[in-house]
Amino acid sequence: MREIVFIAPVTVTVAGSHLRLMPKALEV
């Protein structure tokens, strides 16, 4: 269970960064 708790925030941060970069890529 601890592994999931540790990985969950990391995946959310990575997903958030990807979502922020996607609009920029679409604009270009």
PDB file of N, CA and C in Angstrom:
ATOM      1  N   MET A   1       0.841  -1.214   0.000  1.00  0.00           N
ATOM      2  CA  MET A   1       0.000   0.000   0.000  1.00  0.00           C
ATOM      3  C   MET A   1       0.872   1.259   0.000  1.00  0.00           C
ATOM      4  N   ARG A   2       1.979   1.209   0.708  1.00  0.00           N
ATOM      5  CA  ARG A   2       2.846   2.401   0.777  1.00  0.00           C
ATOM      6  C   ARG A   2       3.377   2.760  -0.605  1.00  0.00           C
ATOM      7  N   GLU A   3       3.637   1.736  -1.418  1.00  0.00           N
ATOM      8  CA  GLU A   3       4.160   2.008  -2.770  1.00  0.00           C
ATOM      9  C   GLU A   3       3.147   2.812  -3.572  1.00  0.00           C
ATOM     10  N   ILE A   4       1.876   2.446  -3.464  1.00  0.00           N
ATOM     11  CA  ILE A   4       0.822   3.162  -4.211  1.00  0.00           C
ATOM     12  C   ILE A   4       0.744   4.606  -3.722  1.00  0.00           C
ATOM     13  N   VAL A   5       0.837   4.784  -2.419  1.00  0.00           N
ATOM     14  CA  VAL A   5       0.763   6.136  -1.838  1.00  0.00           C
ATOM     15  C   VAL A   5       1.921   6.988  -2.337  1.00  0.00           C
ATOM     16  N   PHE A   6       3.067   6.362  -2.564  1.00  0.00           N
ATOM     17  CA  PHE A   6       4.245   7.109  -3.014  1.00  0.00           C
ATOM     18  C   PHE A   6       4.172   7.390  -4.505  1.00  0.00           C
ATOM     19  N   ILE A   7       3.672   6.423  -5.278  1.00  0.00           N
ATOM     20  CA  ILE A   7       3.625   6.572  -6.740  1.00  0.00           C
ATOM     21  C   ILE A   7       2.474   7.487  -7.161  1.00  0.00           C
ATOM     22  N   ALA A   8       1.355   7.416  -6.468  1.00  0.00           N
ATOM     23  CA  ALA A   8       0.171   8.200  -6.845  1.00  0.00           C
ATOM     24  C   ALA A   8       0.487   9.687  -7.042  1.00  0.00           C
ATOM     25  N   PRO A   9       1.081  10.375  -6.071  1.00  0.00           N
ATOM     26  CA  PRO A   9       1.374  11.810  -6.246  1.00  0.00           C
ATOM     27  C   PRO A   9       2.308  12.060  -7.427  1.00  0.00           C
ATOM     28  N   VAL A  10       3.243  11.151  -7.653  1.00  0.00           N
ATOM     29  CA  VAL A  10       4.192  11.323  -8.764  1.00  0.00           C
ATOM     30  C   VAL A  10       3.453  11.255 -10.095  1.00  0.00           C
ATOM     31  N   THR A  11       2.576  10.278 -10.255  1.00  0.00           N
ATOM     32  CA  THR A  11       1.824  10.145 -11.505  1.00  0.00           C
ATOM     33  C   THR A  11       0.939  11.357 -11.721  1.00  0.00           C
ATOM     34  N   VAL A  12       0.338  11.863 -10.661  1.00  0.00           N
ATOM     35  CA  VAL A  12      -0.529  13.050 -10.780  1.00  0.00           C
ATOM     36  C   VAL A  12       0.290  14.247 -11.239  1.00  0.00           C
ATOM     37  N   THR A  13       1.476  14.413 -10.681  1.00  0.00           N
ATOM     38  CA  THR A  13       2.316  15.555 -11.076  1.00  0.00           C
ATOM     39  C   THR A  13       2.756  15.424 -12.528  1.00  0.00           C
ATOM     40  N   VAL A  14       3.162  14.227 -12.907  1.00  0.00           N
ATOM     41  CA  VAL A  14       3.597  13.998 -14.297  1.00  0.00           C
ATOM     42  C   VAL A  14       2.426  14.225 -15.248  1.00  0.00           C
ATOM     43  N   ALA A  15       1.252  13.706 -14.904  1.00  0.00           N
ATOM     44  CA  ALA A  15       0.064  13.886 -15.754  1.00  0.00           C
ATOM     45  C   ALA A  15      -0.269  15.372 -15.864  1.00  0.00           C
ATOM     46  N   GLY A  16      -0.157  16.102 -14.770  1.00  0.00           N
ATOM     47  CA  GLY A  16      -0.441  17.539 -14.781  1.00  0.00           C
ATOM     48  C   GLY A  16       0.521  18.283 -15.694  1.00  0.00           C
ATOM     49  N   SER A  17       1.800  17.927 -15.647  1.00  0.00           N
ATOM     50  CA  SER A  17       2.791  18.590 -16.512  1.00  0.00           C
ATOM     51  C   SER A  17       2.493  18.273 -17.967  1.00  0.00           C
ATOM     52  N   HIS A  18       2.099  17.036 -18.270  1.00  0.00           N
ATOM     53  CA  HIS A  18       1.780  16.651 -19.650  1.00  0.00           C
ATOM     54  C   HIS A  18       0.574  17.444 -20.138  1.00  0.00           C
ATOM     55  N   LEU A  19      -0.436  17.601 -19.262  1.00  0.00           N
ATOM     56  CA  LEU A  19      -1.643  18.336 -19.659  1.00  0.00           C
ATOM     57  C   LEU A  19      -1.292  19.795 -19.943  1.00  0.00           C
ATOM     58  N   ARG A  20      -0.329  20.338 -19.228  1.00  0.00           N
ATOM     59  CA  ARG A  20       0.070  21.739 -19.429  1.00  0.00           C
ATOM     60  C   ARG A  20       0.871  21.886 -20.721  1.00  0.00           C
ATOM     61  N   LEU A  21       1.671  20.867 -21.043  1.00  0.00           N
ATOM     62  CA  LEU A  21       2.513  20.946 -22.241  1.00  0.00           C
ATOM     63  C   LEU A  21       1.710  20.667 -23.510  1.00  0.00           C
ATOM     64  N   MET A  22       0.652  19.875 -23.408  1.00  0.00           N
ATOM     65  CA  MET A  22      -0.135  19.507 -24.593  1.00  0.00           C
ATOM     66  C   MET A  22      -0.707  20.723 -25.328  1.00  0.00           C
ATOM     67  N   PRO A  23      -1.385  21.663 -24.655  1.00  0.00           N
ATOM     68  CA  PRO A  23      -1.930  22.842 -25.363  1.00  0.00           C
ATOM     69  C   PRO A  23      -0.835  23.613 -26.095  1.00  0.00           C
ATOM     70  N   LYS A  24       0.339  23.719 -25.502  1.00  0.00           N
ATOM     71  CA  LYS A  24       1.446  24.442 -26.144  1.00  0.00           C
ATOM     72  C   LYS A  24       1.846  23.733 -27.429  1.00  0.00           C
ATOM     73  N   ALA A  25       1.907  22.401 -27.383  1.00  0.00           N
ATOM     74  CA  ALA A  25       2.286  21.624 -28.564  1.00  0.00           C
ATOM     75  C   ALA A  25       1.219  21.777 -29.648  1.00  0.00           C
ATOM     76  N   LEU A  26      -0.048  21.821 -29.244  1.00  0.00           N
ATOM     77  CA  LEU A  26      -1.138  21.950 -30.220  1.00  0.00           C
ATOM     78  C   LEU A  26      -1.094  23.325 -30.878  1.00  0.00           C
ATOM     79  N   GLU A  27      -0.725  24.345 -30.106  1.00  0.00           N
ATOM     80  CA  GLU A  27      -0.666  25.701 -30.664  1.00  0.00           C
ATOM     81  C   GLU A  27       0.419  25.792 -31.724  1.00  0.00           C
ATOM     82  N   VAL A  28       1.548  25.137 -31.474  1.00  0.00           N
ATOM     83  CA  VAL A  28       2.658  25.155 -32.431  1.00  0.00           C
ATOM     84  C   VAL A  28       2.336  24.174 -33.556  1.00  0.00           C
TER      85      VAL A  28
END
